[in-house]
Amino acid sequence: MSSKIGGVFGAAKAIATGMGITFKEMLNPTITEDYPDSPPKFQERYRGVHVLQRDEHGLEKCVACFLCAAACPAKCIYIEAAENTETGRISGGERYAKVYNIDYTRCIFCGYCVEACPTDAITHGHDFEIASYNTSTLIYRKEQMLAPIPSGAQFPLVQIGSAPAADGH
């Protein structure tokens, strides 16, 4: 008989404890984000849409080593390499990524590509609004992922597509 009474008191204590926690939480202010009206706040480690970084001179960091594509378990990264020339330098290395595509219909945002990159050329950004009704728009090209040129950056060499001046300057 005493075990039944003890069980009743134990259950009543458990219910009272649970209700106390519930009432305490009801009195705390609610934390709500006004997402459409203000941008969301992400943790620093958030894995969003990839960003291809530039160095302090504005050159692309990617040297087309293909390590990110090799590390990708979903095989969603496609790269074509090209050689830098003396008159046209795109990256700091001997090569640069002429084509760099990521297929977000396949990407699982695992971060292996970021970890594999020896030059820290590819990182995860905080952009997350990539939903689309058309899957062809989910293949991001290099131009869409490139970080903007830093303010005050001066290219050490002439960019491809622009010819040097005839007088050598």
Protein backbone atom coordinates (compact mmCIF):
# COMPACT_ATOMS: atom_id res chain seq x y z
CA MET A 1 0.00 0.00 0.00
CA SER A 2 2.81 2.37 0.87
CA SER A 3 4.39 1.76 -2.54
CA LYS A 4 1.18 2.89 -4.26
CA ILE A 5 1.04 6.08 -2.18
CA GLY A 6 4.73 6.69 -2.87
CA GLY A 7 4.09 6.23 -6.60
CA VAL A 8 1.22 8.74 -6.50
CA PHE A 9 3.35 11.30 -4.68
CA GLY A 10 6.26 10.70 -7.09
CA ALA A 11 3.99 11.23 -10.10
CA ALA A 12 2.49 14.38 -8.56
CA LYS A 13 5.99 15.72 -7.86
CA ALA A 14 7.04 15.03 -11.48
CA ILE A 15 3.96 16.84 -12.82
CA ALA A 16 4.53 19.80 -10.48
CA THR A 17 8.18 20.03 -11.57
CA GLY A 18 7.21 19.94 -15.23
CA MET A 19 4.49 22.56 -14.79
CA GLY A 20 6.91 24.79 -12.85
CA ILE A 21 9.38 24.71 -15.76
CA THR A 22 6.54 25.44 -18.20
CA PHE A 23 5.28 28.44 -16.23
CA LYS A 24 8.83 29.78 -15.82
CA GLU A 25 9.41 29.62 -19.59
CA MET A 26 6.05 31.30 -20.25
CA LEU A 27 7.21 34.34 -18.29
CA ASN A 28 10.46 34.72 -20.27
CA PRO A 29 10.37 37.02 -23.31
CA THR A 30 10.02 35.28 -26.65
CA ILE A 31 12.91 35.34 -29.10
CA THR A 32 11.65 35.95 -32.61
CA GLU A 33 13.54 36.86 -35.77
CA ASP A 34 11.88 39.22 -38.23
CA TYR A 35 13.37 37.34 -41.18
CA PRO A 36 11.74 38.95 -44.19
CA ASP A 37 12.14 42.43 -42.72
CA SER A 38 15.65 42.06 -41.32
CA PRO A 39 18.48 39.73 -42.30
CA PRO A 40 18.87 36.57 -40.21
CA LYS A 41 21.81 36.21 -37.84
CA PHE A 42 23.97 33.16 -38.49
CA GLN A 43 26.67 31.52 -36.45
CA GLU A 44 30.17 31.96 -37.87
CA ARG A 45 30.37 28.25 -38.74
CA TYR A 46 27.17 28.32 -40.86
CA ARG A 47 27.65 26.57 -44.21
CA GLY A 48 25.91 28.56 -46.90
CA VAL A 49 26.54 29.08 -50.60
CA HIS A 50 30.24 28.84 -51.49
CA VAL A 51 32.41 31.91 -52.09
CA LEU A 52 35.60 31.92 -54.19
CA GLN A 53 37.98 34.23 -52.36
CA ARG A 54 40.48 36.75 -53.68
CA ASP A 55 43.83 37.79 -52.22
CA GLU A 56 44.72 41.31 -51.06
CA HIS A 57 45.72 42.27 -54.63
CA GLY A 58 42.37 41.21 -56.05
CA LEU A 59 43.71 38.07 -57.71
CA GLU A 60 41.77 34.83 -57.41
CA LYS A 61 43.12 32.46 -54.79
CA CYS A 62 42.09 29.35 -56.71
CA VAL A 63 45.05 27.74 -58.46
CA ALA A 64 42.99 24.93 -60.06
CA CYS A 65 44.59 22.11 -58.07
CA PHE A 66 41.36 20.04 -58.24
CA LEU A 67 41.63 18.99 -54.57
CA CYS A 68 38.17 20.36 -53.78
CA ALA A 69 36.62 18.37 -56.63
CA ALA A 70 38.49 15.23 -55.52
CA ALA A 71 37.31 15.63 -51.91
CA CYS A 72 33.66 16.21 -52.82
CA PRO A 73 31.61 13.07 -52.02
CA ALA A 74 28.70 14.29 -54.17
CA LYS A 75 30.94 15.04 -57.19
CA CYS A 76 29.20 18.37 -57.71
CA ILE A 77 32.31 20.51 -58.46
CA TYR A 78 33.52 20.89 -62.04
CA ILE A 79 36.78 22.71 -62.81
CA GLU A 80 38.69 23.50 -66.00
CA ALA A 81 42.20 24.86 -65.54
CA ALA A 82 44.08 27.37 -67.68
CA GLU A 83 47.63 28.75 -67.49
CA ASN A 84 48.45 32.25 -66.32
CA THR A 85 50.62 34.24 -68.72
CA GLU A 86 53.04 37.10 -68.20
CA THR A 87 50.59 39.52 -69.81
CA GLY A 88 47.53 38.17 -68.09
CA ARG A 89 47.45 36.97 -64.53
CA ILE A 90 44.20 35.78 -62.93
CA SER A 91 45.59 34.01 -59.85
CA GLY A 92 48.80 34.00 -57.85
CA GLY A 93 49.82 30.53 -59.02
CA GLU A 94 50.81 29.07 -62.37
CA ARG A 95 47.23 28.08 -63.17
CA TYR A 96 43.78 29.42 -62.48
CA ALA A 97 40.27 28.01 -62.73
CA LYS A 98 38.96 29.04 -66.13
CA VAL A 99 35.68 27.26 -65.32
CA TYR A 100 34.51 26.60 -61.76
CA ASN A 101 30.97 25.27 -61.37
CA ILE A 102 29.13 23.90 -58.36
CA ASP A 103 25.89 22.00 -58.91
CA TYR A 104 23.71 22.81 -55.90
CA THR A 105 21.18 20.15 -56.87
CA ARG A 106 23.86 17.68 -55.73
CA CYS A 107 25.83 19.61 -53.09
CA ILE A 108 25.33 18.39 -49.52
CA PHE A 109 27.19 21.32 -47.87
CA CYS A 110 29.56 18.92 -46.11
CA GLY A 111 32.52 21.32 -46.14
CA TYR A 112 35.06 18.80 -47.45
CA CYS A 113 35.92 21.11 -50.36
CA VAL A 114 36.68 23.94 -47.93
CA GLU A 115 38.89 21.71 -45.80
CA ALA A 116 40.76 20.30 -48.82
CA CYS A 117 41.67 23.67 -50.37
CA PRO A 118 45.36 24.45 -49.70
CA THR A 119 45.00 28.14 -50.59
CA ASP A 120 41.73 28.83 -48.72
CA ALA A 121 40.21 29.81 -52.05
CA ILE A 122 36.78 28.30 -51.42
CA THR A 123 34.80 29.06 -48.28
CA HIS A 124 31.21 28.82 -47.15
CA GLY A 125 29.36 32.12 -47.21
CA HIS A 126 26.17 33.01 -45.38
CA ASP A 127 23.85 33.16 -48.40
CA PHE A 128 21.06 30.63 -48.09
CA GLU A 129 18.32 31.81 -50.45
CA ILE A 130 18.97 29.58 -53.45
CA ALA A 131 15.59 27.87 -53.83
CA SER A 132 14.44 27.68 -57.42
CA TYR A 133 11.76 26.08 -59.58
CA ASN A 134 14.30 25.62 -62.37
CA THR A 135 17.19 23.28 -61.61
CA SER A 136 19.41 24.84 -64.28
CA THR A 137 19.67 27.97 -62.12
CA LEU A 138 21.17 25.88 -59.31
CA ILE A 139 24.44 25.40 -61.18
CA TYR A 140 26.54 28.29 -59.90
CA ARG A 141 29.33 29.50 -62.12
CA LYS A 142 32.61 31.07 -61.09
CA GLU A 143 31.36 34.59 -61.77
CA GLN A 144 28.45 34.10 -59.34
CA MET A 145 30.68 32.83 -56.54
CA LEU A 146 33.66 35.21 -56.82
CA ALA A 147 34.14 37.57 -53.91
CA PRO A 148 34.22 41.25 -54.86
CA ILE A 149 37.59 42.85 -55.50
CA PRO A 150 38.84 44.40 -52.25
CA SER A 151 38.82 48.18 -52.17
CA GLY A 152 42.23 49.63 -52.93
CA ALA A 153 43.47 46.42 -54.58
CA GLN A 154 45.89 46.94 -57.44
CA PHE A 155 46.59 44.09 -59.80
CA PRO A 156 50.32 43.40 -60.13
CA LEU A 157 49.95 42.37 -63.77
CA VAL A 158 47.56 43.09 -66.63
CA GLN A 159 44.34 41.08 -66.59
CA ILE A 160 43.45 38.77 -69.45
CA GLY A 161 41.39 40.56 -72.04
CA SER A 162 43.19 43.88 -71.71
CA ALA A 163 46.27 44.58 -73.76
CA PRO A 164 49.31 46.39 -72.34
CA ALA A 165 49.89 49.91 -73.52
CA ALA A 166 52.06 50.40 -76.62
CA ASP A 167 54.55 52.59 -74.74
CA GLY A 168 55.13 49.85 -72.14
CA HIS A 169 53.23 51.50 -69.27
